[in-house]
Amino acid sequence: MTSNNWQLGFATTCPNELDYGASGMGPNVTFNEVLIGGALGPDSTGGAGPWTDRAGGVMANGGNYQLQVTSIDPRCRWHVAIYPS
């Protein structure tokens, strides 16, 4: 539960042969807030291309959330750290 904004720090890697969309920089992993009832929360962030190193995002809305991780392929690997702001 957060009473203010919170941040994610993450790194992701996916197989090079996947189709990442325009200029090879489409999404690889997306992180969404999920409300207690199951609906998506207001904030989302994600990585792009075959790999993302030292990325982050500010989730600007405080509240009680779960984190949903959606990847374009089950071979993608990710590491995420959550920080209060």
C-alpha atoms as a PDB file:
ATOM      1  CA  MET A   1       0.000   0.000   0.000  1.00  0.00           C
ATOM      2  CA  THR A   2       1.352   3.428  -0.889  1.00  0.00           C
ATOM      3  CA  SER A   3       0.039   6.785   0.209  1.00  0.00           C
ATOM      4  CA  ASN A   4       1.944   8.647  -2.484  1.00  0.00           C
ATOM      5  CA  ASN A   5       3.736   7.862  -5.735  1.00  0.00           C
ATOM      6  CA  TRP A   6       6.092   4.903  -5.971  1.00  0.00           C
ATOM      7  CA  GLN A   7       8.780   3.828  -8.400  1.00  0.00           C
ATOM      8  CA  LEU A   8       9.910   0.740 -10.268  1.00  0.00           C
ATOM      9  CA  GLY A   9      13.466  -0.020 -11.281  1.00  0.00           C
ATOM     10  CA  PHE A  10      13.779  -2.863 -13.772  1.00  0.00           C
ATOM     11  CA  ALA A  11      15.912  -4.708 -16.286  1.00  0.00           C
ATOM     12  CA  THR A  12      14.529  -7.050 -18.958  1.00  0.00           C
ATOM     13  CA  THR A  13      15.913  -9.283 -21.674  1.00  0.00           C
ATOM     14  CA  CYS A  14      14.083 -11.181 -24.413  1.00  0.00           C
ATOM     15  CA  PRO A  15      15.152 -13.261 -27.442  1.00  0.00           C
ATOM     16  CA  ASN A  16      16.467 -11.132 -30.314  1.00  0.00           C
ATOM     17  CA  GLU A  17      14.301 -12.909 -32.924  1.00  0.00           C
ATOM     18  CA  LEU A  18      10.981 -11.617 -31.534  1.00  0.00           C
ATOM     19  CA  ASP A  19       9.051  -8.933 -33.428  1.00  0.00           C
ATOM     20  CA  TYR A  20       9.291  -5.782 -31.301  1.00  0.00           C
ATOM     21  CA  GLY A  21       7.370  -3.549 -33.688  1.00  0.00           C
ATOM     22  CA  ALA A  22       8.407  -0.187 -35.112  1.00  0.00           C
ATOM     23  CA  SER A  23      12.203   0.267 -35.285  1.00  0.00           C
ATOM     24  CA  GLY A  24      12.619  -2.835 -33.110  1.00  0.00           C
ATOM     25  CA  MET A  25      11.681  -0.853 -29.998  1.00  0.00           C
ATOM     26  CA  GLY A  26       8.161  -2.053 -29.210  1.00  0.00           C
ATOM     27  CA  PRO A  27       7.263  -3.375 -25.752  1.00  0.00           C
ATOM     28  CA  ASN A  28       8.933  -6.411 -24.204  1.00  0.00           C
ATOM     29  CA  VAL A  29       7.514  -6.343 -20.647  1.00  0.00           C
ATOM     30  CA  THR A  30       4.723  -4.163 -19.217  1.00  0.00           C
ATOM     31  CA  PHE A  31       4.105  -3.494 -15.516  1.00  0.00           C
ATOM     32  CA  ASN A  32       0.545  -2.498 -14.537  1.00  0.00           C
ATOM     33  CA  GLU A  33      -1.073  -1.647 -11.239  1.00  0.00           C
ATOM     34  CA  VAL A  34      -4.034  -3.888 -10.452  1.00  0.00           C
ATOM     35  CA  LEU A  35      -6.756  -2.799  -8.019  1.00  0.00           C
ATOM     36  CA  ILE A  36      -8.056  -5.141  -5.308  1.00  0.00           C
ATOM     37  CA  GLY A  37     -11.168  -5.908  -7.401  1.00  0.00           C
ATOM     38  CA  GLY A  38      -9.041  -6.955 -10.393  1.00  0.00           C
ATOM     39  CA  ALA A  39      -9.401  -3.853 -12.573  1.00  0.00           C
ATOM     40  CA  LEU A  40      -6.286  -2.167 -13.947  1.00  0.00           C
ATOM     41  CA  GLY A  41      -4.996   0.723 -11.881  1.00  0.00           C
ATOM     42  CA  PRO A  42      -4.118   4.146 -13.248  1.00  0.00           C
ATOM     43  CA  ASP A  43      -0.380   3.627 -13.864  1.00  0.00           C
ATOM     44  CA  SER A  44       1.659   1.516 -16.254  1.00  0.00           C
ATOM     45  CA  THR A  45       5.278   1.380 -17.421  1.00  0.00           C
ATOM     46  CA  GLY A  46       7.414  -1.012 -19.417  1.00  0.00           C
ATOM     47  CA  GLY A  47      10.555  -1.868 -21.313  1.00  0.00           C
ATOM     48  CA  ALA A  48      11.195  -1.865 -25.049  1.00  0.00           C
ATOM     49  CA  GLY A  49      13.188  -3.866 -27.583  1.00  0.00           C
ATOM     50  CA  PRO A  50      15.200  -7.038 -26.932  1.00  0.00           C
ATOM     51  CA  TRP A  51      16.633  -5.699 -23.688  1.00  0.00           C
ATOM     52  CA  THR A  52      16.146  -2.882 -21.220  1.00  0.00           C
ATOM     53  CA  ASP A  53      18.882  -2.020 -18.738  1.00  0.00           C
ATOM     54  CA  ARG A  54      18.514   0.333 -15.759  1.00  0.00           C
ATOM     55  CA  ALA A  55      15.010   1.469 -16.674  1.00  0.00           C
ATOM     56  CA  GLY A  56      12.402   2.815 -14.322  1.00  0.00           C
ATOM     57  CA  GLY A  57       9.056   4.396 -14.018  1.00  0.00           C
ATOM     58  CA  VAL A  58       7.163   6.539 -11.549  1.00  0.00           C
ATOM     59  CA  MET A  59       3.754   5.225 -10.624  1.00  0.00           C
ATOM     60  CA  ALA A  60       2.191   8.543  -9.721  1.00  0.00           C
ATOM     61  CA  ASN A  61      -0.974   7.355  -7.953  1.00  0.00           C
ATOM     62  CA  GLY A  62      -0.833   6.049  -4.405  1.00  0.00           C
ATOM     63  CA  GLY A  63      -3.112   3.270  -3.240  1.00  0.00           C
ATOM     64  CA  ASN A  64      -3.340  -0.439  -2.524  1.00  0.00           C
ATOM     65  CA  TYR A  65      -2.226  -2.300  -5.669  1.00  0.00           C
ATOM     66  CA  GLN A  66      -0.912  -5.586  -6.921  1.00  0.00           C
ATOM     67  CA  LEU A  67       1.675  -5.565  -9.700  1.00  0.00           C
ATOM     68  CA  GLN A  68       0.808  -7.326 -12.962  1.00  0.00           C
ATOM     69  CA  VAL A  69       3.706  -8.238 -15.247  1.00  0.00           C
ATOM     70  CA  THR A  70       2.885  -8.975 -18.895  1.00  0.00           C
ATOM     71  CA  SER A  71       5.598 -10.202 -21.247  1.00  0.00           C
ATOM     72  CA  ILE A  72       5.442 -10.717 -25.020  1.00  0.00           C
ATOM     73  CA  ASP A  73       7.091 -14.137 -24.723  1.00  0.00           C
ATOM     74  CA  PRO A  74       7.597 -16.626 -21.856  1.00  0.00           C
ATOM     75  CA  ARG A  75      11.335 -16.691 -22.648  1.00  0.00           C
ATOM     76  CA  CYS A  76      11.690 -13.053 -21.560  1.00  0.00           C
ATOM     77  CA  ARG A  77      13.380 -12.560 -18.217  1.00  0.00           C
ATOM     78  CA  TRP A  78      12.926  -9.566 -15.948  1.00  0.00           C
ATOM     79  CA  HIS A  79      14.098  -8.235 -12.615  1.00  0.00           C
ATOM     80  CA  VAL A  80      12.141  -5.529 -10.833  1.00  0.00           C
ATOM     81  CA  ALA A  81      12.660  -3.525  -7.653  1.00  0.00           C
ATOM     82  CA  ILE A  82       9.921  -1.431  -6.028  1.00  0.00           C
ATOM     83  CA  TYR A  83      10.800   1.791  -4.206  1.00  0.00           C
ATOM     84  CA  PRO A  84       8.629   4.158  -2.173  1.00  0.00           C
ATOM     85  CA  SER A  85       9.095   7.762  -3.293  1.00  0.00           C
END
